[in-house]
């Protein structure tokens, strides 16, 4: 049956080729679009799945970059049962690197607590070092930095070279590589240097990283930390009215872009350690695991999923119409052939099977070509833009696309198959 079907397709090569190309392009686009979503999932897993601790931020902040927390709160957290160590983190955007604006990909200045790095069991950047060394407590006041390999290659830097960030000269002492687009954008410096470059207030941090000691369950520890700071009020975004308005605008913009709702304006606290009047709806501090933060990021990508579904739908409709047109024209030209076959003992079911076999061969062939081209395309784009793209055509995506293409081909041939058996054998011969 399938040999006969292939012979029929090869007897009309141009028409079959056009239908095959239409289906190939649709499946290639499907693989490409699905690889965007799969790449996002892979990036989230590589970014947040390796961080075992908890992250304390300002409530409503989507990322540490948009969070402000009193630095004195870190000392209070460090004294709680179940806490092994805490690290104060400063995040800001590096506007200029080597005198060049940074937009795509962005470059972030990450101030790390170098005095507490030795206490960490797991340190993402420290453990991913590929050249040089990481910070020690002796580097507390040194203008030094650790950068990713992608940043080093972009600016043609090596160990010992000077990297200028917002006009501030930093000596490169280490190079890391995490293979995560979201982690490899950081220029890591000691906290004091980060404050000096960003001209930030030393009384505030962007986030507090908490590494538990394992003696208290993670959920219980999160609840303890939240209860400790509940009712103290959310601190102001920045220290002066103009910067506060700008910080609030950035937070609202980030939330809008990620699909969330902008946080409501909160009054500034007048004290970092003295509790304000308790408020039932004031969590005081947002504490969550890195894995939970990653899940929230994926939830905020719902608009991307909708876009992928719409684009795939357009490609599927075009491919379906292409196969339907090809098979309908093929069937209409072969009515006499079908009439002769039925007169010689073929049943209507055999005719339907033959036409469905032809459309299934088209679907399978288009699926194989589309999957191969789509997979090769993702590899080529990742190699061409390693710092901007992380597409992942997973085996699950390729298998689904192949099966879907085959099913789509059979659906496209179903109507022509049913249309071909409406006539009796003699009527089909006479009409042909």
Protein backbone atom coordinates (compact mmCIF):
# COMPACT_ATOMS: atom_id res chain seq x y z
CA UNK A 1 0.00 0.00 0.00
CA UNK A 2 2.69 2.51 0.99
CA UNK A 3 4.83 1.58 -2.04
CA UNK A 4 1.85 2.25 -4.26
CA UNK A 5 1.20 5.54 -2.46
CA UNK A 6 4.82 6.69 -2.91
CA UNK A 7 4.64 5.83 -6.62
CA UNK A 8 1.53 7.99 -6.98
CA UNK A 9 3.25 10.92 -5.25
CA UNK A 10 6.35 10.64 -7.48
CA UNK A 11 4.13 10.62 -10.56
CA UNK A 12 3.27 14.27 -9.79
CA UNK A 13 6.60 15.55 -8.42
CA UNK A 14 6.03 19.31 -8.65
CA UNK A 15 2.70 19.27 -6.83
CA UNK A 16 3.97 16.86 -4.18
CA UNK A 17 7.13 18.95 -3.70
CA UNK A 18 5.15 22.14 -3.15
CA UNK A 19 2.95 20.46 -0.53
CA UNK A 20 6.06 19.00 1.11
CA UNK A 21 7.75 22.41 1.26
CA UNK A 22 4.68 24.03 2.80
CA UNK A 23 4.53 21.41 5.53
CA UNK A 24 8.31 21.53 6.08
CA UNK A 25 8.25 25.29 6.65
CA UNK A 26 5.34 24.98 9.09
CA UNK A 27 7.03 22.24 11.12
CA UNK A 28 10.36 24.07 11.06
CA UNK A 29 8.61 27.15 12.46
CA UNK A 30 6.91 25.00 15.09
CA UNK A 31 10.23 23.53 16.23
CA UNK A 32 11.77 27.00 16.32
CA UNK A 33 8.96 28.53 18.36
CA UNK A 34 8.73 25.60 20.77
CA UNK A 35 12.50 25.77 21.23
CA UNK A 36 12.06 29.33 22.54
CA UNK A 37 9.77 28.11 25.33
CA UNK A 38 11.96 25.06 25.98
CA UNK A 39 15.01 27.31 26.07
CA UNK A 40 13.33 29.55 28.62
CA UNK A 41 12.58 26.52 30.80
CA UNK A 42 16.16 25.32 30.42
CA UNK A 43 17.54 28.75 31.32
CA UNK A 44 15.34 28.97 34.42
CA UNK A 45 16.46 25.50 35.52
CA UNK A 46 20.13 26.33 34.98
CA UNK A 47 19.76 29.67 36.73
CA UNK A 48 17.56 28.99 39.75
CA UNK A 49 17.89 25.23 40.13
CA UNK A 50 21.47 25.47 41.35
CA UNK A 51 20.82 27.94 44.17
CA UNK A 52 19.94 26.02 47.36
CA UNK A 53 19.28 28.93 49.70
CA UNK A 54 16.53 31.48 50.29
CA UNK A 55 16.29 35.01 48.91
CA UNK A 56 14.80 37.84 50.99
CA UNK A 57 13.60 40.87 49.01
CA UNK A 58 11.20 43.79 49.19
CA UNK A 59 7.60 42.53 48.81
CA UNK A 60 6.32 42.87 45.26
CA UNK A 61 9.78 43.20 43.69
CA UNK A 62 10.06 40.88 40.66
CA UNK A 63 13.86 40.71 40.81
CA UNK A 64 16.59 41.76 43.29
CA UNK A 65 17.49 44.64 40.97
CA UNK A 66 14.19 46.34 41.91
CA UNK A 67 14.28 45.55 45.63
CA UNK A 68 15.41 47.63 48.64
CA UNK A 69 15.88 46.14 52.11
CA UNK A 70 17.54 47.70 55.21
CA UNK A 71 21.00 46.24 55.64
CA UNK A 72 20.45 45.91 59.40
CA UNK A 73 17.81 43.26 58.73
CA UNK A 74 20.55 40.93 57.50
CA UNK A 75 22.10 40.86 60.97
CA UNK A 76 18.73 40.01 62.53
CA UNK A 77 18.23 37.15 60.06
CA UNK A 78 21.72 35.81 60.76
CA UNK A 79 20.80 35.40 64.46
CA UNK A 80 17.71 33.29 63.77
CA UNK A 81 17.78 29.52 64.45
CA UNK A 82 18.31 27.46 61.30
CA UNK A 83 20.38 30.10 59.47
CA UNK A 84 23.95 29.10 58.59
CA UNK A 85 25.02 32.38 57.01
CA UNK A 86 23.64 35.41 55.17
CA UNK A 87 25.15 37.41 52.33
CA UNK A 88 24.24 41.00 51.54
CA UNK A 89 23.76 41.55 47.81
CA UNK A 90 23.87 44.80 45.86
CA UNK A 91 22.55 44.82 42.30
CA UNK A 92 22.65 47.68 39.82
CA UNK A 93 22.80 48.10 36.09
CA UNK A 94 26.21 48.84 34.58
CA UNK A 95 25.37 51.68 32.20
CA UNK A 96 28.79 51.87 30.50
CA UNK A 97 31.40 49.16 30.10
CA UNK A 98 34.62 50.29 28.46
CA UNK A 99 32.79 53.46 27.49
CA UNK A 100 30.11 51.56 25.55
CA UNK A 101 26.40 51.55 26.52
CA UNK A 102 25.12 48.15 27.61
CA UNK A 103 21.65 47.27 26.43
CA UNK A 104 21.56 43.86 24.74
CA UNK A 105 22.67 41.84 26.51
CA UNK A 106 22.51 43.94 29.69
CA UNK A 107 25.43 44.02 32.10
CA UNK A 108 24.68 44.00 35.82
CA UNK A 109 26.97 45.06 38.64
CA UNK A 110 26.76 42.52 41.45
CA UNK A 111 28.17 43.47 44.83
CA UNK A 112 28.95 40.36 46.84
CA UNK A 113 29.66 39.89 50.53
CA UNK A 114 33.30 38.80 50.19
CA UNK A 115 33.76 38.35 53.95
CA UNK A 116 31.08 35.67 54.09
CA UNK A 117 31.90 33.82 50.87
CA UNK A 118 34.07 31.23 52.70
CA UNK A 119 31.07 30.32 54.88
CA UNK A 120 28.91 29.30 51.90
CA UNK A 121 28.61 25.63 51.07
CA UNK A 122 27.43 26.47 47.53
CA UNK A 123 28.52 29.58 45.65
CA UNK A 124 27.30 29.76 42.07
CA UNK A 125 29.90 32.13 40.67
CA UNK A 126 32.65 30.84 42.93
CA UNK A 127 32.03 27.23 41.95
CA UNK A 128 31.92 28.07 38.22
CA UNK A 129 35.28 29.77 38.07
CA UNK A 130 37.30 28.72 35.00
CA UNK A 131 40.28 31.08 35.24
CA UNK A 132 42.01 33.00 38.00
CA UNK A 133 40.62 33.11 41.52
CA UNK A 134 37.55 34.24 43.40
CA UNK A 135 37.30 36.86 46.14
CA UNK A 136 38.71 36.40 49.62
CA UNK A 137 38.08 38.61 52.69
CA UNK A 138 41.34 40.41 51.83
CA UNK A 139 39.69 41.78 48.67
CA UNK A 140 37.13 43.75 50.67
CA UNK A 141 38.48 47.18 49.69
CA UNK A 142 40.19 46.31 46.41
CA UNK A 143 38.91 47.57 43.05
CA UNK A 144 38.82 44.10 41.51
CA UNK A 145 36.18 42.10 39.66
CA UNK A 146 35.24 38.65 38.43
CA UNK A 147 33.55 38.54 35.03
CA UNK A 148 31.97 35.92 32.80
CA UNK A 149 33.79 34.43 29.84
CA UNK A 150 31.27 36.01 27.46
CA UNK A 151 32.02 39.48 28.88
CA UNK A 152 35.76 38.82 28.64
CA UNK A 153 35.41 37.78 24.99
CA UNK A 154 33.16 40.71 24.12
CA UNK A 155 35.61 43.29 25.46
CA UNK A 156 38.78 41.29 24.65
CA UNK A 157 39.92 41.09 28.26
CA UNK A 158 42.15 38.65 30.10
CA UNK A 159 43.21 38.11 33.70
CA UNK A 160 45.02 41.14 35.06
CA UNK A 161 43.47 43.54 32.55
CA UNK A 162 41.49 46.60 33.60
CA UNK A 163 37.76 46.76 32.91
CA UNK A 164 36.12 50.17 33.19
CA UNK A 165 32.57 50.06 34.53
CA UNK A 166 30.77 53.41 34.55
CA UNK A 167 34.20 55.02 34.41
CA UNK A 168 35.51 53.05 37.40
CA UNK A 169 38.65 50.94 36.72
CA UNK A 170 38.48 47.36 37.95
CA UNK A 171 41.21 44.73 37.82
CA UNK A 172 40.04 41.34 36.53
CA UNK A 173 41.09 38.59 38.97
CA UNK A 174 38.80 35.77 37.79
CA UNK A 175 36.62 34.55 34.94
CA UNK A 176 33.57 32.33 35.41
CA UNK A 177 31.18 30.48 33.11
CA UNK A 178 27.76 29.25 34.27
CA UNK A 179 26.25 28.60 30.79
CA UNK A 180 23.17 30.56 31.90
CA UNK A 181 22.23 33.69 29.97
CA UNK A 182 20.80 35.24 33.13
CA UNK A 183 23.88 34.61 35.27
CA UNK A 184 26.64 35.32 32.76
CA UNK A 185 25.68 39.02 32.57
CA UNK A 186 27.12 39.86 36.01
CA UNK A 187 30.26 41.82 36.78
CA UNK A 188 31.03 40.79 40.35
CA UNK A 189 32.75 43.18 42.74
CA UNK A 190 33.08 43.51 46.54
CA UNK A 191 30.13 45.23 48.23
CA UNK A 192 32.02 48.39 49.09
CA UNK A 193 33.16 48.84 45.48
CA UNK A 194 29.62 48.21 44.20
CA UNK A 195 28.26 50.94 46.49
CA UNK A 196 30.96 53.34 45.33
CA UNK A 197 30.33 52.71 41.62
CA UNK A 198 26.53 52.88 41.92
CA UNK A 199 26.69 55.77 44.43
CA UNK A 200 24.26 53.87 46.64
CA UNK A 201 23.44 54.27 50.33
CA UNK A 202 25.31 51.78 52.52
CA UNK A 203 22.22 51.43 54.75
CA UNK A 204 20.38 49.45 52.06
CA UNK A 205 20.85 46.22 50.17
CA UNK A 206 18.92 44.85 47.23
CA UNK A 207 18.57 41.33 48.56
CA UNK A 208 19.69 39.08 51.39
CA UNK A 209 20.81 35.58 50.46
CA UNK A 210 20.19 33.07 53.25
CA UNK A 211 21.85 29.67 53.41
CA UNK A 212 20.07 27.39 55.93
CA UNK A 213 22.00 24.99 58.13
CA UNK A 214 19.41 22.24 57.68
CA UNK A 215 18.29 22.11 61.31
CA UNK A 216 14.96 23.82 60.55
CA UNK A 217 12.64 22.91 57.63
CA UNK A 218 12.78 25.46 54.81
CA UNK A 219 9.06 26.31 55.02
CA UNK A 220 9.30 26.88 58.75
CA UNK A 221 12.37 29.07 58.34
CA UNK A 222 10.64 31.17 55.67
CA UNK A 223 7.67 31.67 57.97
CA UNK A 224 9.92 32.62 60.89
CA UNK A 225 11.72 35.26 58.83
CA UNK A 226 8.48 36.72 57.48
CA UNK A 227 6.96 36.87 60.95
CA UNK A 228 10.06 38.58 62.32
CA UNK A 229 9.65 41.54 59.97
CA UNK A 230 5.88 41.56 59.52
CA UNK A 231 4.34 44.94 60.26
CA UNK A 232 7.52 46.98 59.92
CA UNK A 233 6.43 48.47 56.62
CA UNK A 234 8.04 48.18 53.23
CA UNK A 235 11.05 50.47 52.93
CA UNK A 236 11.08 53.29 50.41
CA UNK A 237 12.46 52.50 46.98
CA UNK A 238 15.39 54.94 47.34
CA UNK A 239 16.58 57.63 49.74
CA UNK A 240 15.38 60.88 48.19
CA UNK A 241 12.00 61.81 46.68
CA UNK A 242 13.21 62.05 43.08
CA UNK A 243 15.06 58.72 43.20
CA UNK A 244 12.13 57.15 45.05
CA UNK A 245 9.79 58.10 42.21
CA UNK A 246 12.27 56.77 39.66
CA UNK A 247 12.71 53.52 41.53
CA UNK A 248 8.96 53.06 41.81
CA UNK A 249 8.60 53.72 38.07
CA UNK A 250 11.25 51.09 37.27
CA UNK A 251 9.57 48.56 39.53
CA UNK A 252 6.18 49.22 37.93
CA UNK A 253 7.71 48.96 34.46
CA UNK A 254 9.39 45.64 35.27
CA UNK A 255 6.19 44.21 36.68
CA UNK A 256 4.22 45.33 33.63
CA UNK A 257 6.75 43.87 31.19
CA UNK A 258 6.77 40.57 33.04
CA UNK A 259 2.99 40.40 33.10
CA UNK A 260 2.35 41.20 36.77
CA UNK A 261 0.65 44.08 38.51
CA UNK A 262 2.65 47.09 39.72
CA UNK A 263 3.07 47.12 43.49
CA UNK A 264 1.14 49.69 45.44
CA UNK A 265 3.04 52.68 46.79
CA UNK A 266 4.33 52.04 50.31
CA UNK A 267 5.32 54.64 52.89
CA UNK A 268 9.01 54.80 53.77
CA UNK A 269 10.18 53.49 57.10
CA UNK A 270 11.70 55.93 59.53
CA UNK A 271 13.72 53.29 61.32
CA UNK A 272 15.54 50.22 60.16
CA UNK A 273 15.26 48.26 63.38
CA UNK A 274 12.31 49.71 65.31
CA UNK A 275 9.07 47.96 64.37
CA UNK A 276 6.24 50.13 63.10
CA UNK A 277 2.61 49.51 63.94
CA UNK A 278 1.71 45.96 62.86
CA UNK A 279 -0.37 45.59 59.72
CA UNK A 280 -2.02 42.34 58.76
CA UNK A 281 -1.50 42.98 55.06
CA UNK A 282 2.15 44.06 55.40
CA UNK A 283 4.52 41.05 54.99
CA UNK A 284 7.54 43.26 55.67
CA UNK A 285 9.82 40.92 53.73
CA UNK A 286 9.39 38.55 50.79
CA UNK A 287 11.25 35.30 51.42
CA UNK A 288 11.30 32.51 48.86
CA UNK A 289 13.55 29.85 47.45
CA UNK A 290 15.32 30.36 44.15
CA UNK A 291 13.26 27.53 42.66
CA UNK A 292 10.03 29.30 43.62
CA UNK A 293 11.33 32.52 42.10
CA UNK A 294 12.07 30.61 38.89
CA UNK A 295 8.52 29.25 38.78
CA UNK A 296 7.17 32.76 39.19
CA UNK A 297 9.29 33.91 36.25
CA UNK A 298 7.81 31.12 34.12
CA UNK A 299 4.29 32.11 35.14
CA UNK A 300 4.98 35.64 34.00
CA UNK A 301 5.86 34.32 30.53
CA UNK A 302 2.22 33.49 29.74
CA UNK A 303 2.15 36.15 27.01
CA UNK A 304 5.05 34.40 25.29
CA UNK A 305 3.15 31.10 25.35
CA UNK A 306 0.14 32.82 23.79
CA UNK A 307 2.31 34.31 21.04
CA UNK A 308 3.86 30.90 20.30
CA UNK A 309 0.41 29.28 20.13
CA UNK A 310 -0.89 31.93 17.71
CA UNK A 311 2.14 31.68 15.41
CA UNK A 312 1.96 27.88 15.40
CA UNK A 313 -1.74 28.03 14.58
CA UNK A 314 -1.06 30.16 11.51
CA UNK A 315 1.59 27.74 10.27
CA UNK A 316 -0.62 24.72 10.92
CA UNK A 317 -3.55 26.21 8.96
CA UNK A 318 -1.30 27.02 6.00
CA UNK A 319 0.20 23.53 5.98
CA UNK A 320 -3.24 21.90 6.32
CA UNK A 321 -4.64 23.88 3.38
CA UNK A 322 -1.57 23.00 1.30
CA UNK A 323 -1.99 19.26 1.87
CA UNK A 324 -5.75 19.47 1.42
CA UNK A 325 -5.35 21.26 -1.92
CA UNK A 326 -2.70 18.83 -3.13
CA UNK A 327 -4.65 15.71 -2.22
CA UNK A 328 -7.97 17.07 -3.51
CA UNK A 329 -6.47 17.87 -6.91
CA UNK A 330 -4.70 14.52 -7.01
CA UNK A 331 -7.91 12.65 -6.21
CA UNK A 332 -10.00 14.57 -8.75
CA UNK A 333 -7.51 13.68 -11.49
CA UNK A 334 -7.54 9.98 -10.58
CA UNK A 335 -11.26 9.25 -10.37
CA UNK A 336 -11.00 6.90 -13.34
CA UNK A 337 -8.12 5.05 -11.67
CA UNK A 338 -10.14 4.64 -8.48
CA UNK A 339 -13.16 3.45 -10.45
CA UNK A 340 -11.05 0.80 -12.22
CA UNK A 341 -9.54 -0.34 -8.91
CA UNK A 342 -12.96 -0.70 -7.33
CA UNK A 343 -14.26 -2.55 -10.41
CA UNK A 344 -11.37 -4.99 -9.98
CA UNK A 345 -12.15 -5.80 -6.37
CA UNK A 346 -10.86 -2.87 -4.32
CA UNK A 347 -13.27 -1.76 -1.60
CA UNK A 348 -14.06 1.82 -0.66
CA UNK A 349 -12.01 1.24 2.48
CA UNK A 350 -8.97 0.31 0.38
CA UNK A 351 -9.28 3.55 -1.59
CA UNK A 352 -9.49 5.59 1.63
CA UNK A 353 -6.43 3.77 3.00
CA UNK A 354 -4.48 4.51 -0.18
CA UNK A 355 -5.22 8.24 -0.09
CA UNK A 356 -4.52 8.46 3.64
CA UNK A 357 -1.25 6.60 3.09
CA UNK A 358 -0.21 9.18 0.47
CA UNK A 359 -1.03 12.10 2.76
CA UNK A 360 0.69 10.35 5.71
CA UNK A 361 3.86 9.94 3.61
CA UNK A 362 3.73 13.66 2.82
CA UNK A 363 3.21 14.49 6.50
CA UNK A 364 5.99 12.22 7.71
CA UNK A 365 8.44 13.49 5.08
CA UNK A 366 7.59 17.12 5.87
CA UNK A 367 7.96 16.38 9.58
CA UNK A 368 11.39 14.80 9.18
CA UNK A 369 12.67 17.67 7.03
CA UNK A 370 11.06 20.32 9.26
CA UNK A 371 12.52 18.80 12.45
CA UNK A 372 15.99 18.49 10.97
CA UNK A 373 16.02 22.05 9.62
CA UNK A 374 14.48 23.45 12.82
CA UNK A 375 17.00 21.63 15.03
CA UNK A 376 19.90 22.74 12.84
CA UNK A 377 18.56 26.30 12.90
CA UNK A 378 18.50 26.42 16.72
CA UNK A 379 22.09 25.18 16.86
CA UNK A 380 23.20 27.75 14.32
CA UNK A 381 21.46 30.64 16.12
CA UNK A 382 22.82 29.60 19.51
CA UNK A 383 26.33 29.46 18.05
CA UNK A 384 25.90 32.82 16.32
CA UNK A 385 24.42 34.63 19.33
CA UNK A 386 25.64 32.73 22.40
CA UNK A 387 25.16 35.69 24.76
CA UNK A 388 21.63 36.52 23.58
CA UNK A 389 19.85 33.26 22.70
CA UNK A 390 19.38 29.92 24.39
CA UNK A 391 17.10 27.92 22.10
CA UNK A 392 16.57 24.26 22.93
CA UNK A 393 14.97 21.84 20.48
CA UNK A 394 14.48 19.04 22.98
CA UNK A 395 13.83 15.42 21.92
CA UNK A 396 10.28 15.82 23.23
CA UNK A 397 9.72 18.86 20.98
CA UNK A 398 11.14 17.06 17.94
CA UNK A 399 9.10 13.90 18.54
CA UNK A 400 5.90 15.87 19.08
CA UNK A 401 6.49 17.90 15.91
CA UNK A 402 7.13 14.74 13.88
CA UNK A 403 3.99 12.99 15.13
CA UNK A 404 1.93 16.15 14.69
CA UNK A 405 3.15 16.56 11.11
CA UNK A 406 2.18 12.98 10.26
CA UNK A 407 -1.25 13.40 11.85
CA UNK A 408 -1.70 16.73 10.07
CA UNK A 409 -0.96 15.06 6.74
CA UNK A 410 -3.57 12.37 7.38
CA UNK A 411 -6.16 14.96 8.43
CA UNK A 412 -5.46 16.91 5.23
CA UNK A 413 -6.11 13.76 3.17
CA UNK A 414 -9.27 12.67 5.01
CA UNK A 415 -11.77 14.86 3.12
CA UNK A 416 -10.38 14.01 -0.36
CA UNK A 417 -10.48 10.32 0.59
CA UNK A 418 -14.14 10.47 1.64
CA UNK A 419 -15.01 12.58 -1.40
CA UNK A 420 -13.46 10.00 -3.76
CA UNK A 421 -15.73 7.11 -2.64
CA UNK A 422 -19.05 8.91 -2.95
CA UNK A 423 -19.47 7.66 -6.53
CA UNK A 424 -20.00 4.14 -7.75
CA UNK A 425 -17.16 2.53 -9.77
CA UNK A 426 -18.94 3.05 -13.13
CA UNK A 427 -19.83 6.68 -12.29
CA UNK A 428 -16.21 7.35 -11.31
CA UNK A 429 -14.93 5.85 -14.61
CA UNK A 430 -17.48 7.79 -16.62
CA UNK A 431 -16.73 11.09 -14.83
CA UNK A 432 -12.99 10.58 -15.21
